[in-house]
C-alpha cells in the first residue's frame, strides 16, 4: 500500500517530532507547573523568554569551553584513566557542579535581580526556575544529539528537574535578600554554596550506587529537593503575602 520511501519519510518525520518534543516538553511542563504558583501576577513572557535563553546560552558557552580545553564531562569520566578516583570526584563532580551553578547564579544576581518586574518574593523562584530550565534544555539538546531522544525520559524527572529546582532555590534566596527589611549579609553567596553542594551530591549519586541496591539514588535526591523548594515557596508566600506592597518594593 505504501512504498518504502514513503515509510522512511514518515519515520523521519516522527523521529524529528519526538526529537523536538523531547527537548521542549520537559522544560515547558516544569515551567508551567511552577508558574502556577504565581498565576495572579504572572511574569512578562518576553522577560521569561530572555532569561530562558540566557540560561540556554550559559550552558552552551560552558560546554564549548569544556570542548575547547578538552575537559571531559561527568558522563565521560570513566574513560579518563590517568586520573585517580579522588581526582575524578573533585574535577567532574565538585568543580563541574560549582561551574554550572555559578553561571546560573551570575544571571540571577547581576541581571534578573535588577529587573523592575522582579517585584514580588515569588518572582525570584520563577526566574530562577526559568534560568535552570534554559540550562537544562541546552543539556538535553546535546544529550539527544549524542544518544537519541529516549535519553530525555530519564532526564525528565532528574537532571531537567534538578536544574529547575536549584535555580528556584537560588531565586528564593535572592528574594530574601531583595525584600527583607533588614538586609542579611552574604545571602546570595549562601545560595550558591547550598546549590553547589546539592548538585555535588546529585553528581555523586549519578556516578555511584551509594544505596547498595542498584537504586537510582539521584531520583530520591531530586525528589527531596523538590519538597524543599515547595516548603520554601509556601514560607515565602506566608511571610510576605500580608505585607503592604510598598514594603516589598526596593530602591
Protein backbone atom coordinates (compact mmCIF):
# COMPACT_ATOMS: atom_id res chain seq x y z
CA UNK A 1 0.00 0.00 0.00
CA UNK A 2 2.87 2.39 0.85
CA UNK A 3 6.26 2.28 -0.80
CA UNK A 4 9.49 2.05 1.16
CA UNK A 5 10.48 5.70 0.58
CA UNK A 6 7.16 6.94 1.95
CA UNK A 7 7.57 4.84 5.09
CA UNK A 8 11.11 6.17 5.56
CA UNK A 9 9.84 9.73 5.21
CA UNK A 10 7.12 9.14 7.79
CA UNK A 11 9.65 7.61 10.17
CA UNK A 12 11.92 10.62 9.78
CA UNK A 13 9.04 13.00 10.47
CA UNK A 14 8.05 11.02 13.58
CA UNK A 15 11.66 10.97 14.75
CA UNK A 16 12.02 14.73 14.42
CA UNK A 17 8.70 15.31 16.23
CA UNK A 18 9.93 13.14 19.08
CA UNK A 19 13.31 14.89 18.93
CA UNK A 20 11.90 18.39 19.35
CA UNK A 21 9.26 17.21 21.79
CA UNK A 22 11.92 15.62 23.96
CA UNK A 23 13.80 18.92 24.00
CA UNK A 24 10.96 21.32 24.79
CA UNK A 25 8.19 19.36 26.55
CA UNK A 26 10.06 18.68 29.84
CA UNK A 27 11.14 22.30 30.49
CA UNK A 28 7.78 23.70 29.37
CA UNK A 29 5.97 21.29 31.68
CA UNK A 30 8.04 22.24 34.73
CA UNK A 31 7.81 25.95 33.95
CA UNK A 32 4.03 25.70 33.69
CA UNK A 33 3.90 23.71 36.93
CA UNK A 34 5.87 26.22 38.99
CA UNK A 35 4.42 29.30 37.30
CA UNK A 36 1.01 28.12 38.51
CA UNK A 37 2.01 29.39 41.98
CA UNK A 38 2.23 32.92 40.59
CA UNK A 39 -0.87 32.84 38.39
CA UNK A 40 -2.28 36.04 39.93
CA UNK A 41 0.73 38.14 38.86
CA UNK A 42 2.44 36.23 36.03
CA UNK A 43 5.82 37.43 34.85
CA UNK A 44 6.20 39.13 31.45
CA UNK A 45 6.56 36.44 28.81
CA UNK A 46 9.19 38.47 26.96
CA UNK A 47 11.41 38.62 30.04
CA UNK A 48 10.90 34.93 30.82
CA UNK A 49 11.97 34.02 27.28
CA UNK A 50 15.03 36.24 27.58
CA UNK A 51 16.01 34.69 30.91
CA UNK A 52 15.41 31.20 29.47
CA UNK A 53 17.69 31.95 26.51
CA UNK A 54 20.35 33.32 28.83
CA UNK A 55 20.28 30.05 30.76
CA UNK A 56 20.44 28.12 27.49
CA UNK A 57 23.38 30.21 26.26
CA UNK A 58 25.28 29.88 29.53
CA UNK A 59 25.21 26.09 29.22
CA UNK A 60 26.30 26.28 25.59
CA UNK A 61 29.24 28.55 26.44
CA UNK A 62 30.25 26.29 29.34
CA UNK A 63 30.15 23.18 27.14
CA UNK A 64 32.00 24.97 24.33
CA UNK A 65 34.80 25.95 26.72
CA UNK A 66 34.95 22.39 28.04
CA UNK A 67 35.24 21.08 24.49
CA UNK A 68 37.85 23.70 23.53
CA UNK A 69 40.05 22.88 26.54
CA UNK A 70 39.31 19.14 26.12
CA UNK A 71 37.78 18.81 29.57
CA UNK A 72 35.69 15.60 29.79
CA UNK A 73 32.18 15.83 31.18
CA UNK A 74 30.82 13.89 34.13
CA UNK A 75 29.35 11.34 31.71
CA UNK A 76 32.76 10.53 30.17
CA UNK A 77 34.81 10.45 33.34
CA UNK A 78 35.16 6.64 33.24
CA UNK A 79 37.24 6.83 30.05
CA UNK A 80 39.80 9.10 31.72
CA UNK A 81 42.22 6.54 33.09
CA UNK A 82 45.03 8.93 34.04
CA UNK A 83 43.12 10.37 37.00
CA UNK A 84 42.58 8.75 40.37
CA UNK A 85 39.08 8.23 41.73
CA UNK A 86 39.50 11.16 44.12
CA UNK A 87 40.70 13.45 41.32
CA UNK A 88 37.69 12.44 39.22
CA UNK A 89 35.33 13.28 42.04
CA UNK A 90 36.98 16.67 42.59
CA UNK A 91 37.06 17.63 38.89
CA UNK A 92 33.97 16.02 37.43
CA UNK A 93 31.69 16.30 40.43
CA UNK A 94 32.66 19.23 42.62
CA UNK A 95 34.16 21.59 40.03
CA UNK A 96 31.54 20.96 37.36
CA UNK A 97 28.74 21.31 39.90
CA UNK A 98 30.19 24.66 41.00
CA UNK A 99 30.64 25.99 37.46
CA UNK A 100 27.12 25.01 36.38
CA UNK A 101 25.59 26.68 39.42
CA UNK A 102 27.88 29.69 39.08
CA UNK A 103 26.73 30.61 35.57
CA UNK A 104 23.09 30.43 36.68
CA UNK A 105 23.89 32.46 39.78
CA UNK A 106 25.56 35.22 37.73
CA UNK A 107 22.48 35.58 35.52
CA UNK A 108 20.14 35.78 38.50
CA UNK A 109 22.24 38.08 40.66
CA UNK A 110 23.54 40.53 38.09
CA UNK A 111 20.68 40.64 35.59
CA UNK A 112 17.38 39.34 36.97
CA UNK A 113 17.89 40.86 40.43
CA UNK A 114 17.80 44.40 39.00
CA UNK A 115 14.73 43.98 36.76
CA UNK A 116 11.73 46.13 37.64
CA UNK A 117 9.44 43.14 37.09
CA UNK A 118 11.21 41.34 39.94
CA UNK A 119 8.76 42.95 42.35
CA UNK A 120 7.47 40.03 44.46
CA UNK A 121 9.31 37.40 46.52
CA UNK A 122 7.82 34.54 44.48
CA UNK A 123 9.23 36.13 41.31
CA UNK A 124 12.74 35.09 42.31
CA UNK A 125 11.66 31.46 42.30
CA UNK A 126 10.02 31.77 38.87
CA UNK A 127 13.01 33.48 37.27
CA UNK A 128 15.39 31.02 38.90
CA UNK A 129 13.43 28.07 37.58
CA UNK A 130 13.41 29.65 34.12
CA UNK A 131 17.20 30.04 34.11
CA UNK A 132 17.60 26.43 35.25
CA UNK A 133 15.25 25.16 32.57
CA UNK A 134 17.14 27.07 29.89
CA UNK A 135 20.35 25.46 31.08
CA UNK A 136 18.75 22.01 31.21
CA UNK A 137 17.26 22.40 27.73
CA UNK A 138 20.70 23.02 26.26
CA UNK A 139 21.99 19.93 28.06
CA UNK A 140 19.04 17.93 26.70
CA UNK A 141 19.86 19.03 23.15
CA UNK A 142 23.44 17.84 23.49
CA UNK A 143 22.46 14.51 25.04
CA UNK A 144 19.76 13.90 22.42
CA UNK A 145 22.19 14.58 19.60
CA UNK A 146 24.70 12.11 21.02
CA UNK A 147 22.35 9.47 22.47
CA UNK A 148 18.91 9.94 20.89
CA UNK A 149 15.54 11.28 22.16
CA UNK A 150 14.97 8.35 24.51
CA UNK A 151 17.60 9.72 26.91
CA UNK A 152 15.23 12.56 27.89
CA UNK A 153 12.83 10.09 29.50
CA UNK A 154 15.33 9.55 32.32
CA UNK A 155 16.46 13.19 32.40
CA UNK A 156 12.87 14.50 32.65
CA UNK A 157 12.49 13.64 36.34
CA UNK A 158 16.15 14.03 37.31
CA UNK A 159 18.58 16.36 35.53
CA UNK A 160 15.97 18.67 33.97
CA UNK A 161 14.08 18.99 37.23
CA UNK A 162 17.31 19.33 39.21
CA UNK A 163 18.40 22.44 37.30
CA UNK A 164 14.93 23.93 37.65
CA UNK A 165 14.79 23.27 41.40
CA UNK A 166 18.27 24.58 42.14
CA UNK A 167 17.55 27.68 40.08
CA UNK A 168 14.35 28.14 42.07
CA UNK A 169 16.22 27.83 45.38
CA UNK A 170 18.73 30.44 44.24
CA UNK A 171 15.88 32.73 43.26
CA UNK A 172 14.24 32.21 46.67
CA UNK A 173 17.44 33.24 48.46
CA UNK A 174 17.77 36.31 46.25
CA UNK A 175 14.17 37.22 47.08
CA UNK A 176 15.07 37.06 50.76
CA UNK A 177 17.99 39.39 50.10
CA UNK A 178 15.98 41.83 47.99
CA UNK A 179 12.78 42.06 50.01
CA UNK A 180 13.95 41.61 53.59
CA UNK A 181 13.54 44.81 55.60
CA UNK A 182 16.78 44.05 57.41
CA UNK A 183 19.26 43.05 54.72
CA UNK A 184 21.24 39.96 55.63
CA UNK A 185 24.86 39.57 54.60
CA UNK A 186 26.00 37.00 52.08
CA UNK A 187 22.56 35.53 51.36
CA UNK A 188 23.42 35.28 47.67
CA UNK A 189 26.72 33.56 48.41
CA UNK A 190 24.96 31.10 50.71
CA UNK A 191 22.57 30.32 47.87
CA UNK A 192 25.48 29.50 45.56
CA UNK A 193 27.18 27.33 48.18
CA UNK A 194 23.99 25.43 49.03
CA UNK A 195 23.05 24.77 45.39
CA UNK A 196 26.60 23.69 44.57
CA UNK A 197 26.50 21.21 47.46
CA UNK A 198 23.11 19.82 46.39
CA UNK A 199 24.35 19.50 42.81
CA UNK A 200 27.55 17.87 44.07
CA UNK A 201 25.61 15.18 45.94
CA UNK A 202 23.41 14.62 42.87
CA UNK A 203 26.50 14.01 40.73
CA UNK A 204 27.80 11.53 43.31
CA UNK A 205 24.53 9.59 43.06
CA UNK A 206 24.79 9.62 39.26
CA UNK A 207 28.29 8.12 39.37
CA UNK A 208 27.99 5.72 42.27
CA UNK A 209 25.37 3.37 43.70
CA UNK A 210 25.54 4.55 47.30
CA UNK A 211 22.41 2.64 48.27
CA UNK A 212 23.98 -0.76 47.58
CA UNK A 213 20.75 -1.95 45.97
CA UNK A 214 21.37 -0.66 42.44
CA UNK A 215 18.76 2.05 43.03
CA UNK A 216 18.92 5.37 41.27
CA UNK A 217 19.70 7.50 44.29
CA UNK A 218 19.61 10.72 42.26
CA UNK A 219 15.86 10.30 41.76
CA UNK A 220 15.21 10.33 45.52
CA UNK A 221 17.65 13.22 45.97
CA UNK A 222 15.83 15.34 43.38
CA UNK A 223 12.50 14.44 44.99
CA UNK A 224 13.86 15.72 48.30
CA UNK A 225 14.98 18.99 46.72
CA UNK A 226 11.53 19.30 45.15
CA UNK A 227 9.93 19.08 48.60
CA UNK A 228 12.39 21.64 49.97
CA UNK A 229 11.52 24.11 47.22
CA UNK A 230 7.79 23.69 47.79
CA UNK A 231 8.31 24.40 51.51
CA UNK A 232 10.36 27.49 50.63
CA UNK A 233 7.62 28.73 48.27
CA UNK A 234 4.94 28.27 50.95
CA UNK A 235 7.07 30.11 53.52
CA UNK A 236 7.75 32.96 51.10
CA UNK A 237 4.04 33.35 50.44
CA UNK A 238 3.13 33.28 54.13
CA UNK A 239 5.89 35.68 55.10
CA UNK A 240 5.20 38.36 52.51
CA UNK A 241 1.57 37.86 51.47
CA UNK A 242 0.10 40.07 54.20
CA UNK A 243 2.72 42.82 53.99
CA UNK A 244 1.87 46.08 52.25
CA UNK A 245 3.12 46.29 48.68
CA UNK A 246 5.36 49.29 49.43
CA UNK A 247 7.34 47.18 51.87
CA UNK A 248 8.15 44.74 49.10
CA UNK A 249 9.48 47.39 46.79
CA UNK A 250 13.16 48.07 46.77
CA UNK A 251 15.00 51.16 45.69
